[in-house]
């Protein structure tokens, strides 16, 4: 999946993705996309570990980028995010979110997102449902 057009939109002005240090990556498969995020002062807890909320934000954002890439001209918004954090990751490491589209309907997309550390160990597993809103043409 090519996410370059969406990357241009994301990087054009400040937003949550840029504030937390997310980087979105294209993949060769049409039903997958990826994102990376270094664990640092922007997204860690006071104890030095990646915040669970930042992990969920990463998952929701990579799924949103995927849906937006598949549906140009639509607004793709997360309506449900559910995750489990299975391991802590410390400051200085980088996590990668691997998103796979499980359902592509006309109005709903369901994504499975696995977040792993640089050693390839599972950190969080997240399910994201996006609502696809077709933009109305203005007359």
N, C-alpha and C. Protein backbone atom coordinates (compact mmCIF):
# COMPACT_ATOMS: atom_id res chain seq x y z
N UNK A 1 0.84 -1.17 0.00
CA UNK A 1 0.00 0.00 0.00
C UNK A 1 0.90 1.24 0.00
N UNK A 2 0.62 2.13 -0.91
CA UNK A 2 1.40 3.37 -1.01
C UNK A 2 0.74 4.44 -0.15
N UNK A 3 1.47 4.94 0.84
CA UNK A 3 0.91 5.94 1.77
C UNK A 3 1.55 7.32 1.58
N UNK A 4 2.27 7.53 0.48
CA UNK A 4 2.98 8.80 0.29
C UNK A 4 2.06 10.01 0.23
N UNK A 5 0.91 9.91 -0.45
CA UNK A 5 -0.02 11.05 -0.52
C UNK A 5 -0.55 11.40 0.87
N UNK A 6 -0.87 10.39 1.65
CA UNK A 6 -1.36 10.63 3.01
C UNK A 6 -0.25 11.22 3.88
N UNK A 7 0.99 10.75 3.69
CA UNK A 7 2.13 11.31 4.42
C UNK A 7 2.27 12.81 4.17
N UNK A 8 2.06 13.22 2.93
CA UNK A 8 2.16 14.65 2.60
C UNK A 8 1.11 15.46 3.37
N UNK A 9 -0.10 14.92 3.45
CA UNK A 9 -1.16 15.60 4.20
C UNK A 9 -0.81 15.66 5.69
N UNK A 10 -0.37 14.52 6.24
CA UNK A 10 -0.04 14.45 7.67
C UNK A 10 1.07 15.43 8.02
N UNK A 11 2.09 15.49 7.18
CA UNK A 11 3.25 16.33 7.49
C UNK A 11 3.08 17.80 7.11
N UNK A 12 1.90 18.18 6.59
CA UNK A 12 1.68 19.56 6.16
C UNK A 12 1.36 20.51 7.32
N UNK A 13 0.91 19.97 8.46
CA UNK A 13 0.64 20.82 9.62
C UNK A 13 0.69 19.98 10.89
N UNK A 14 0.90 20.61 12.04
CA UNK A 14 1.00 19.86 13.30
C UNK A 14 -0.26 19.06 13.60
N UNK A 15 -0.07 17.86 14.13
CA UNK A 15 -1.18 16.99 14.49
C UNK A 15 -0.65 15.94 15.47
N UNK A 16 -1.51 15.04 15.93
CA UNK A 16 -1.11 14.04 16.91
C UNK A 16 0.00 13.13 16.38
N UNK A 17 -0.10 12.73 15.13
CA UNK A 17 0.91 11.85 14.55
C UNK A 17 2.30 12.47 14.59
N UNK A 18 2.40 13.73 14.20
CA UNK A 18 3.71 14.39 14.20
C UNK A 18 4.15 14.70 15.63
N UNK A 19 3.21 15.03 16.50
CA UNK A 19 3.57 15.35 17.89
C UNK A 19 4.18 14.15 18.61
N UNK A 20 3.68 12.94 18.31
CA UNK A 20 4.19 11.74 18.97
C UNK A 20 5.37 11.11 18.25
N UNK A 21 5.71 11.62 17.05
CA UNK A 21 6.86 11.12 16.32
C UNK A 21 6.58 9.92 15.43
N UNK A 22 5.37 9.80 14.91
CA UNK A 22 5.02 8.67 14.05
C UNK A 22 5.53 8.88 12.63
N UNK A 23 5.98 7.79 12.02
CA UNK A 23 6.43 7.79 10.63
C UNK A 23 5.70 6.66 9.91
N UNK A 24 4.97 6.98 8.85
CA UNK A 24 4.16 6.00 8.13
C UNK A 24 4.91 5.49 6.91
N UNK A 25 4.83 4.17 6.69
CA UNK A 25 5.63 3.51 5.66
C UNK A 25 4.74 2.74 4.69
N UNK A 26 5.09 2.81 3.42
CA UNK A 26 4.40 2.02 2.40
C UNK A 26 4.83 0.57 2.50
N UNK A 27 3.97 -0.32 2.02
CA UNK A 27 4.26 -1.76 1.99
C UNK A 27 3.92 -2.29 0.60
N UNK A 28 4.45 -3.45 0.24
CA UNK A 28 4.15 -4.00 -1.09
C UNK A 28 2.73 -4.57 -1.22
N UNK A 29 2.09 -4.95 -0.12
CA UNK A 29 0.75 -5.51 -0.16
C UNK A 29 -0.30 -4.41 -0.10
N UNK A 30 -1.41 -4.60 -0.82
CA UNK A 30 -2.48 -3.60 -0.86
C UNK A 30 -3.31 -3.55 0.41
N UNK A 31 -3.23 -4.58 1.25
CA UNK A 31 -4.08 -4.64 2.45
C UNK A 31 -3.27 -4.47 3.74
N UNK A 32 -2.05 -3.93 3.64
CA UNK A 32 -1.22 -3.71 4.83
C UNK A 32 -0.58 -2.34 4.78
N UNK A 33 -0.23 -1.83 5.93
CA UNK A 33 0.61 -0.64 6.03
C UNK A 33 1.36 -0.69 7.35
N UNK A 34 2.33 0.19 7.50
CA UNK A 34 3.19 0.17 8.68
C UNK A 34 3.46 1.58 9.17
N UNK A 35 3.85 1.65 10.43
CA UNK A 35 4.30 2.92 11.01
C UNK A 35 5.37 2.61 12.05
N UNK A 36 6.27 3.57 12.24
CA UNK A 36 7.32 3.46 13.27
C UNK A 36 7.20 4.65 14.20
N UNK A 37 7.66 4.42 15.44
CA UNK A 37 7.68 5.50 16.41
C UNK A 37 8.79 5.22 17.42
N UNK A 38 9.70 6.17 17.55
CA UNK A 38 10.76 6.04 18.55
C UNK A 38 10.16 6.36 19.92
N UNK A 39 10.52 5.58 20.93
CA UNK A 39 10.05 5.83 22.28
C UNK A 39 10.93 6.91 22.88
N UNK A 40 10.33 8.06 23.16
CA UNK A 40 11.08 9.19 23.71
C UNK A 40 10.16 10.04 24.59
N UNK A 41 10.61 11.24 24.93
CA UNK A 41 9.87 12.09 25.87
C UNK A 41 8.49 12.48 25.36
N UNK A 42 8.23 12.34 24.06
CA UNK A 42 6.93 12.71 23.49
C UNK A 42 5.85 11.66 23.77
N UNK A 43 6.24 10.41 24.02
CA UNK A 43 5.25 9.34 24.07
C UNK A 43 5.47 8.32 25.19
N UNK A 44 6.31 8.67 26.15
CA UNK A 44 6.59 7.73 27.25
C UNK A 44 5.88 8.15 28.52
N UNK A 45 5.76 7.19 29.44
CA UNK A 45 5.24 7.48 30.78
C UNK A 45 6.35 8.12 31.61
N UNK A 46 6.02 8.64 32.77
CA UNK A 46 7.07 9.17 33.66
C UNK A 46 8.09 8.11 34.08
N UNK A 47 7.72 6.82 33.98
CA UNK A 47 8.63 5.73 34.38
C UNK A 47 9.60 5.35 33.28
N UNK A 48 9.47 5.96 32.10
CA UNK A 48 10.40 5.70 31.00
C UNK A 48 9.95 4.65 30.01
N UNK A 49 8.72 4.14 30.15
CA UNK A 49 8.18 3.15 29.22
C UNK A 49 7.20 3.80 28.25
N UNK A 50 7.04 3.19 27.09
CA UNK A 50 6.06 3.66 26.12
C UNK A 50 4.68 3.67 26.77
N UNK A 51 3.97 4.77 26.64
CA UNK A 51 2.63 4.90 27.18
C UNK A 51 1.66 4.01 26.40
N UNK A 52 0.77 3.34 27.12
CA UNK A 52 -0.26 2.54 26.46
C UNK A 52 -1.14 3.39 25.56
N UNK A 53 -1.40 4.61 25.98
CA UNK A 53 -2.20 5.52 25.16
C UNK A 53 -1.50 5.87 23.86
N UNK A 54 -0.18 6.02 23.90
CA UNK A 54 0.59 6.30 22.69
C UNK A 54 0.56 5.09 21.75
N UNK A 55 0.59 3.88 22.32
CA UNK A 55 0.49 2.67 21.50
C UNK A 55 -0.86 2.62 20.80
N UNK A 56 -1.93 2.92 21.52
CA UNK A 56 -3.26 2.92 20.91
C UNK A 56 -3.38 4.02 19.86
N UNK A 57 -2.78 5.17 20.12
CA UNK A 57 -2.79 6.25 19.14
C UNK A 57 -2.04 5.83 17.87
N UNK A 58 -0.90 5.16 18.03
CA UNK A 58 -0.14 4.67 16.89
C UNK A 58 -1.00 3.70 16.07
N UNK A 59 -1.66 2.77 16.73
CA UNK A 59 -2.49 1.79 16.04
C UNK A 59 -3.66 2.47 15.31
N UNK A 60 -4.34 3.37 15.98
CA UNK A 60 -5.48 4.04 15.35
C UNK A 60 -5.02 4.88 14.16
N UNK A 61 -3.88 5.54 14.31
CA UNK A 61 -3.39 6.38 13.21
C UNK A 61 -2.91 5.57 12.02
N UNK A 62 -2.21 4.45 12.24
CA UNK A 62 -1.76 3.65 11.09
C UNK A 62 -2.97 3.03 10.38
N UNK A 63 -3.98 2.62 11.12
CA UNK A 63 -5.20 2.10 10.48
C UNK A 63 -5.91 3.20 9.71
N UNK A 64 -5.91 4.41 10.25
CA UNK A 64 -6.51 5.55 9.55
C UNK A 64 -5.78 5.88 8.27
N UNK A 65 -4.46 5.81 8.31
CA UNK A 65 -3.66 6.05 7.11
C UNK A 65 -3.98 4.98 6.06
N UNK A 66 -4.11 3.73 6.52
CA UNK A 66 -4.45 2.66 5.60
C UNK A 66 -5.81 2.86 4.95
N UNK A 67 -6.81 3.17 5.74
CA UNK A 67 -8.16 3.40 5.20
C UNK A 67 -8.17 4.61 4.26
N UNK A 68 -7.47 5.66 4.65
CA UNK A 68 -7.41 6.87 3.81
C UNK A 68 -6.72 6.59 2.48
N UNK A 69 -5.71 5.73 2.50
CA UNK A 69 -5.03 5.36 1.25
C UNK A 69 -5.95 4.57 0.33
N UNK A 70 -6.79 3.73 0.92
CA UNK A 70 -7.72 2.91 0.14
C UNK A 70 -8.93 3.69 -0.36
N UNK A 71 -9.25 4.81 0.31
CA UNK A 71 -10.46 5.57 0.01
C UNK A 71 -10.14 7.05 -0.18
N UNK A 72 -9.44 7.39 -1.26
CA UNK A 72 -9.09 8.80 -1.47
C UNK A 72 -10.36 9.67 -1.54
N UNK A 73 -10.27 10.83 -0.96
CA UNK A 73 -11.39 11.76 -0.95
C UNK A 73 -12.39 11.51 0.16
N UNK A 74 -12.19 10.47 0.95
CA UNK A 74 -13.09 10.17 2.07
C UNK A 74 -12.42 10.58 3.38
N UNK A 75 -13.24 10.83 4.37
CA UNK A 75 -12.74 11.03 5.73
C UNK A 75 -12.87 9.69 6.43
N UNK A 76 -11.76 9.20 6.95
CA UNK A 76 -11.73 7.89 7.62
C UNK A 76 -11.45 8.12 9.10
N UNK A 77 -12.41 7.79 9.94
CA UNK A 77 -12.29 8.10 11.36
C UNK A 77 -12.46 6.84 12.20
N UNK A 78 -11.65 6.72 13.23
CA UNK A 78 -11.74 5.59 14.13
C UNK A 78 -12.99 5.67 14.98
N UNK A 79 -13.75 4.57 15.04
CA UNK A 79 -14.95 4.55 15.89
C UNK A 79 -14.81 3.52 17.01
N UNK A 80 -13.82 2.62 16.90
CA UNK A 80 -13.56 1.69 17.99
C UNK A 80 -12.09 1.28 17.95
N UNK A 81 -11.47 1.33 19.13
CA UNK A 81 -10.08 0.90 19.28
C UNK A 81 -10.02 0.05 20.54
N UNK A 82 -9.51 -1.16 20.40
CA UNK A 82 -9.42 -2.06 21.55
C UNK A 82 -8.08 -2.76 21.50
N UNK A 83 -7.33 -2.65 22.57
CA UNK A 83 -5.99 -3.22 22.55
C UNK A 83 -5.59 -3.89 23.85
N UNK A 84 -4.59 -4.73 23.72
CA UNK A 84 -3.96 -5.37 24.88
C UNK A 84 -2.46 -5.11 24.80
N UNK A 85 -1.90 -4.66 25.91
CA UNK A 85 -0.47 -4.43 26.01
C UNK A 85 0.13 -5.63 26.71
N UNK A 86 1.08 -6.29 26.05
CA UNK A 86 1.59 -7.55 26.59
C UNK A 86 3.04 -7.46 27.08
N UNK A 87 3.72 -6.36 26.75
CA UNK A 87 5.10 -6.20 27.19
C UNK A 87 5.46 -4.72 27.18
N UNK A 88 6.29 -4.30 28.11
CA UNK A 88 6.75 -2.92 28.15
C UNK A 88 7.92 -2.73 27.20
N UNK A 89 8.05 -1.51 26.74
CA UNK A 89 9.20 -1.15 25.89
C UNK A 89 9.75 0.17 26.41
N UNK A 90 11.05 0.23 26.59
CA UNK A 90 11.68 1.38 27.21
C UNK A 90 12.08 2.48 26.25
N UNK A 91 12.34 3.63 26.84
CA UNK A 91 12.80 4.80 26.09
C UNK A 91 14.07 4.45 25.33
N UNK A 92 14.15 4.93 24.09
CA UNK A 92 15.30 4.69 23.24
C UNK A 92 15.04 3.60 22.20
N UNK A 93 14.09 2.70 22.48
CA UNK A 93 13.73 1.67 21.50
C UNK A 93 12.80 2.29 20.47
N UNK A 94 12.57 1.59 19.39
CA UNK A 94 11.62 2.01 18.36
C UNK A 94 10.60 0.90 18.20
N UNK A 95 9.33 1.29 18.12
CA UNK A 95 8.28 0.30 17.88
C UNK A 95 7.78 0.44 16.45
N UNK A 96 7.35 -0.69 15.90
CA UNK A 96 6.79 -0.71 14.55
C UNK A 96 5.40 -1.32 14.62
N UNK A 97 4.44 -0.63 14.03
CA UNK A 97 3.06 -1.10 13.96
C UNK A 97 2.82 -1.71 12.59
N UNK A 98 2.39 -2.96 12.57
CA UNK A 98 2.07 -3.68 11.34
C UNK A 98 0.55 -3.80 11.28
N UNK A 99 -0.08 -3.12 10.33
CA UNK A 99 -1.54 -3.12 10.22
C UNK A 99 -1.99 -3.96 9.04
N UNK A 100 -2.98 -4.84 9.28
CA UNK A 100 -3.53 -5.68 8.24
C UNK A 100 -5.05 -5.49 8.19
N UNK A 101 -5.54 -5.17 7.00
CA UNK A 101 -6.98 -4.99 6.81
C UNK A 101 -7.68 -6.33 6.87
N UNK A 102 -8.64 -6.46 7.78
CA UNK A 102 -9.39 -7.71 7.91
C UNK A 102 -10.76 -7.65 7.25
N UNK A 103 -11.33 -6.45 7.17
CA UNK A 103 -12.64 -6.28 6.53
C UNK A 103 -12.67 -4.93 5.83
N UNK A 104 -13.07 -4.96 4.55
CA UNK A 104 -13.20 -3.72 3.78
C UNK A 104 -14.62 -3.62 3.24
N UNK A 105 -15.46 -2.94 4.00
CA UNK A 105 -16.82 -2.70 3.56
C UNK A 105 -16.93 -1.31 2.97
N UNK A 106 -18.12 -0.93 2.55
CA UNK A 106 -18.33 0.40 1.97
C UNK A 106 -18.22 1.50 3.03
N UNK A 107 -18.64 1.18 4.26
CA UNK A 107 -18.61 2.21 5.31
C UNK A 107 -17.75 1.84 6.51
N UNK A 108 -17.33 0.58 6.61
CA UNK A 108 -16.51 0.16 7.75
C UNK A 108 -15.28 -0.61 7.28
N UNK A 109 -14.15 -0.29 7.88
CA UNK A 109 -12.92 -1.06 7.71
C UNK A 109 -12.51 -1.57 9.09
N UNK A 110 -12.08 -2.82 9.17
CA UNK A 110 -11.58 -3.39 10.42
C UNK A 110 -10.12 -3.78 10.19
N UNK A 111 -9.24 -3.28 11.08
CA UNK A 111 -7.80 -3.51 10.99
C UNK A 111 -7.31 -4.26 12.22
N UNK A 112 -6.36 -5.15 12.02
CA UNK A 112 -5.62 -5.79 13.10
C UNK A 112 -4.21 -5.19 13.09
N UNK A 113 -3.81 -4.62 14.21
CA UNK A 113 -2.51 -3.95 14.30
C UNK A 113 -1.68 -4.61 15.39
N UNK A 114 -0.52 -5.11 15.01
CA UNK A 114 0.44 -5.64 15.98
C UNK A 114 1.61 -4.68 16.08
N UNK A 115 1.95 -4.31 17.30
CA UNK A 115 3.06 -3.40 17.56
C UNK A 115 4.20 -4.21 18.17
N UNK A 116 5.39 -4.09 17.55
CA UNK A 116 6.54 -4.87 18.00
C UNK A 116 7.72 -3.95 18.28
N UNK A 117 8.63 -4.42 19.15
CA UNK A 117 9.86 -3.66 19.44
C UNK A 117 10.91 -4.01 18.38
N UNK A 118 12.11 -3.43 18.52
CA UNK A 118 13.14 -3.68 17.51
C UNK A 118 13.62 -5.12 17.50
N UNK A 119 13.42 -5.85 18.59
CA UNK A 119 13.78 -7.27 18.63
C UNK A 119 12.70 -8.15 17.99
N UNK A 120 11.59 -7.54 17.55
CA UNK A 120 10.51 -8.29 16.93
C UNK A 120 9.53 -8.90 17.90
N UNK A 121 9.63 -8.52 19.18
CA UNK A 121 8.72 -9.04 20.21
C UNK A 121 7.42 -8.23 20.23
N UNK A 122 6.30 -8.93 20.42
CA UNK A 122 5.00 -8.28 20.47
C UNK A 122 4.90 -7.39 21.70
N UNK A 123 4.49 -6.16 21.50
CA UNK A 123 4.30 -5.18 22.58
C UNK A 123 2.80 -5.00 22.85
N UNK A 124 2.06 -4.79 21.77
CA UNK A 124 0.61 -4.58 21.88
C UNK A 124 -0.07 -5.18 20.66
N UNK A 125 -1.29 -5.63 20.86
CA UNK A 125 -2.13 -6.06 19.75
C UNK A 125 -3.43 -5.26 19.83
N UNK A 126 -3.83 -4.67 18.70
CA UNK A 126 -4.92 -3.70 18.70
C UNK A 126 -5.85 -3.97 17.52
N UNK A 127 -7.14 -3.85 17.78
CA UNK A 127 -8.15 -3.95 16.72
C UNK A 127 -8.76 -2.57 16.56
N UNK A 128 -8.82 -2.10 15.32
CA UNK A 128 -9.33 -0.76 15.02
C UNK A 128 -10.44 -0.86 13.98
N UNK A 129 -11.57 -0.21 14.27
CA UNK A 129 -12.65 -0.10 13.30
C UNK A 129 -12.74 1.36 12.85
N UNK A 130 -12.69 1.56 11.54
CA UNK A 130 -12.79 2.90 10.96
C UNK A 130 -14.12 3.05 10.24
N UNK A 131 -14.71 4.23 10.38
CA UNK A 131 -15.92 4.59 9.65
C UNK A 131 -15.48 5.42 8.46
N UNK A 132 -15.98 5.07 7.28
CA UNK A 132 -15.59 5.73 6.04
C UNK A 132 -16.70 6.70 5.65
N UNK A 133 -16.36 7.99 5.60
CA UNK A 133 -17.33 9.03 5.30
C UNK A 133 -17.03 9.58 3.92
N UNK A 134 -17.96 9.39 3.01
CA UNK A 134 -17.79 9.94 1.66
C UNK A 134 -18.00 11.44 1.72
N UNK A 135 -17.07 12.19 1.17
CA UNK A 135 -17.16 13.64 1.15
C UNK A 135 -18.21 14.09 0.13
N UNK A 136 -19.05 14.98 0.55
CA UNK A 136 -20.06 15.51 -0.37
C UNK A 136 -19.43 16.56 -1.26
N UNK A 137 -19.86 16.55 -2.51
CA UNK A 137 -19.39 17.58 -3.44
C UNK A 137 -20.17 18.84 -3.18
N UNK A 138 -19.44 19.93 -3.06
CA UNK A 138 -20.10 21.22 -2.84
C UNK A 138 -20.50 21.82 -4.17
N UNK A 139 -21.71 22.39 -4.18
CA UNK A 139 -22.18 22.98 -5.43
C UNK A 139 -22.06 24.47 -5.43
